[in-house]
Amino acid sequence: MRTKRYFASILLCSLSATIVAQGSGPPPPMPPPPPGLPIDSGLVVLSLVAIIYGIYKSLQMSNKTL
């Protein structure tokens, strides 16, 4: 009876090692690359609009205080 338990323990341990050692299949596919959105195409226009708006607001504030 004791020999059967040893044999069963060794068998289960060897099977578990075999199951763990098997690969899970091919690797998952790579994610798609991020979209190539241009950042600098409207940066000059945005800067000019911000400067003009800042000048407008500063003139508007100075006219209110006078």
C-alpha atoms as a PDB file:
ATOM      1  CA  MET A   1       0.000   0.000   0.000  1.00  0.00           C
ATOM      2  CA  ARG A   2       2.838   2.369   0.862  1.00  0.00           C
ATOM      3  CA  THR A   3       4.528   1.684  -2.460  1.00  0.00           C
ATOM      4  CA  LYS A   4       1.344   2.612  -4.325  1.00  0.00           C
ATOM      5  CA  ARG A   5       1.175   5.971  -2.518  1.00  0.00           C
ATOM      6  CA  TYR A   6       4.799   6.739  -3.355  1.00  0.00           C
ATOM      7  CA  PHE A   7       4.209   5.766  -6.955  1.00  0.00           C
ATOM      8  CA  ALA A   8       1.055   7.923  -7.129  1.00  0.00           C
ATOM      9  CA  SER A   9       2.864  10.893  -5.566  1.00  0.00           C
ATOM     10  CA  ILE A  10       5.780  10.630  -7.985  1.00  0.00           C
ATOM     11  CA  LEU A  11       3.391  10.243 -10.916  1.00  0.00           C
ATOM     12  CA  LEU A  12       1.339  13.315  -9.944  1.00  0.00           C
ATOM     13  CA  CYS A  13       4.459  15.420  -9.389  1.00  0.00           C
ATOM     14  CA  SER A  14       5.910  14.446 -12.760  1.00  0.00           C
ATOM     15  CA  LEU A  15       2.595  15.151 -14.511  1.00  0.00           C
ATOM     16  CA  SER A  16       2.294  18.564 -12.902  1.00  0.00           C
ATOM     17  CA  ALA A  17       5.846  19.438 -14.016  1.00  0.00           C
ATOM     18  CA  THR A  18       5.009  18.335 -17.549  1.00  0.00           C
ATOM     19  CA  ILE A  19       1.814  20.389 -17.617  1.00  0.00           C
ATOM     20  CA  VAL A  20       3.569  23.519 -16.357  1.00  0.00           C
ATOM     21  CA  ALA A  21       6.432  23.082 -18.835  1.00  0.00           C
ATOM     22  CA  GLN A  22       4.151  23.179 -21.868  1.00  0.00           C
ATOM     23  CA  GLY A  23       3.872  26.452 -23.767  1.00  0.00           C
ATOM     24  CA  SER A  24       0.652  28.377 -23.955  1.00  0.00           C
ATOM     25  CA  GLY A  25       0.732  28.720 -27.734  1.00  0.00           C
ATOM     26  CA  PRO A  26       1.898  31.524 -29.966  1.00  0.00           C
ATOM     27  CA  PRO A  27       2.525  34.931 -28.407  1.00  0.00           C
ATOM     28  CA  PRO A  28      -0.294  37.466 -28.620  1.00  0.00           C
ATOM     29  CA  PRO A  29      -0.201  39.873 -31.567  1.00  0.00           C
ATOM     30  CA  MET A  30       1.489  43.225 -31.138  1.00  0.00           C
ATOM     31  CA  PRO A  31      -0.836  46.193 -30.448  1.00  0.00           C
ATOM     32  CA  PRO A  32      -1.303  48.621 -33.333  1.00  0.00           C
ATOM     33  CA  PRO A  33       1.045  51.595 -33.422  1.00  0.00           C
ATOM     34  CA  PRO A  34      -0.292  54.933 -32.190  1.00  0.00           C
ATOM     35  CA  PRO A  35      -1.705  57.229 -34.843  1.00  0.00           C
ATOM     36  CA  GLY A  36       0.790  59.650 -36.333  1.00  0.00           C
ATOM     37  CA  LEU A  37      -0.959  62.890 -35.492  1.00  0.00           C
ATOM     38  CA  PRO A  38       0.970  66.063 -36.322  1.00  0.00           C
ATOM     39  CA  ILE A  39       1.489  68.336 -33.333  1.00  0.00           C
ATOM     40  CA  ASP A  40       3.312  71.266 -34.889  1.00  0.00           C
ATOM     41  CA  SER A  41       1.132  71.981 -37.929  1.00  0.00           C
ATOM     42  CA  GLY A  42      -1.060  74.606 -36.233  1.00  0.00           C
ATOM     43  CA  LEU A  43       1.310  75.632 -33.459  1.00  0.00           C
ATOM     44  CA  VAL A  44       2.345  78.936 -35.065  1.00  0.00           C
ATOM     45  CA  VAL A  45      -1.257  79.943 -35.727  1.00  0.00           C
ATOM     46  CA  LEU A  46      -2.267  78.981 -32.194  1.00  0.00           C
ATOM     47  CA  SER A  47       0.593  81.048 -30.740  1.00  0.00           C
ATOM     48  CA  LEU A  48      -0.361  84.085 -32.822  1.00  0.00           C
ATOM     49  CA  VAL A  49      -4.004  83.820 -31.804  1.00  0.00           C
ATOM     50  CA  ALA A  50      -2.984  83.519 -28.135  1.00  0.00           C
ATOM     51  CA  ILE A  51      -0.752  86.611 -28.372  1.00  0.00           C
ATOM     52  CA  ILE A  52      -3.450  88.639 -30.126  1.00  0.00           C
ATOM     53  CA  TYR A  53      -6.038  87.552 -27.566  1.00  0.00           C
ATOM     54  CA  GLY A  54      -3.682  88.455 -24.708  1.00  0.00           C
ATOM     55  CA  ILE A  55      -3.099  91.928 -26.163  1.00  0.00           C
ATOM     56  CA  TYR A  56      -6.846  92.369 -26.661  1.00  0.00           C
ATOM     57  CA  LYS A  57      -7.613  91.371 -23.066  1.00  0.00           C
ATOM     58  CA  SER A  58      -4.859  93.588 -21.641  1.00  0.00           C
ATOM     59  CA  LEU A  59      -6.158  96.564 -23.637  1.00  0.00           C
ATOM     60  CA  GLN A  60      -9.681  95.787 -22.528  1.00  0.00           C
ATOM     61  CA  MET A  61      -8.592  95.664 -18.843  1.00  0.00           C
ATOM     62  CA  SER A  62      -6.623  98.926 -19.133  1.00  0.00           C
ATOM     63  CA  ASN A  63      -9.644 100.691 -20.704  1.00  0.00           C
ATOM     64  CA  LYS A  64     -11.888  99.575 -17.809  1.00  0.00           C
ATOM     65  CA  THR A  65      -9.561 101.004 -15.174  1.00  0.00           C
ATOM     66  CA  LEU A  66      -9.370 104.434 -16.872  1.00  0.00           C
END
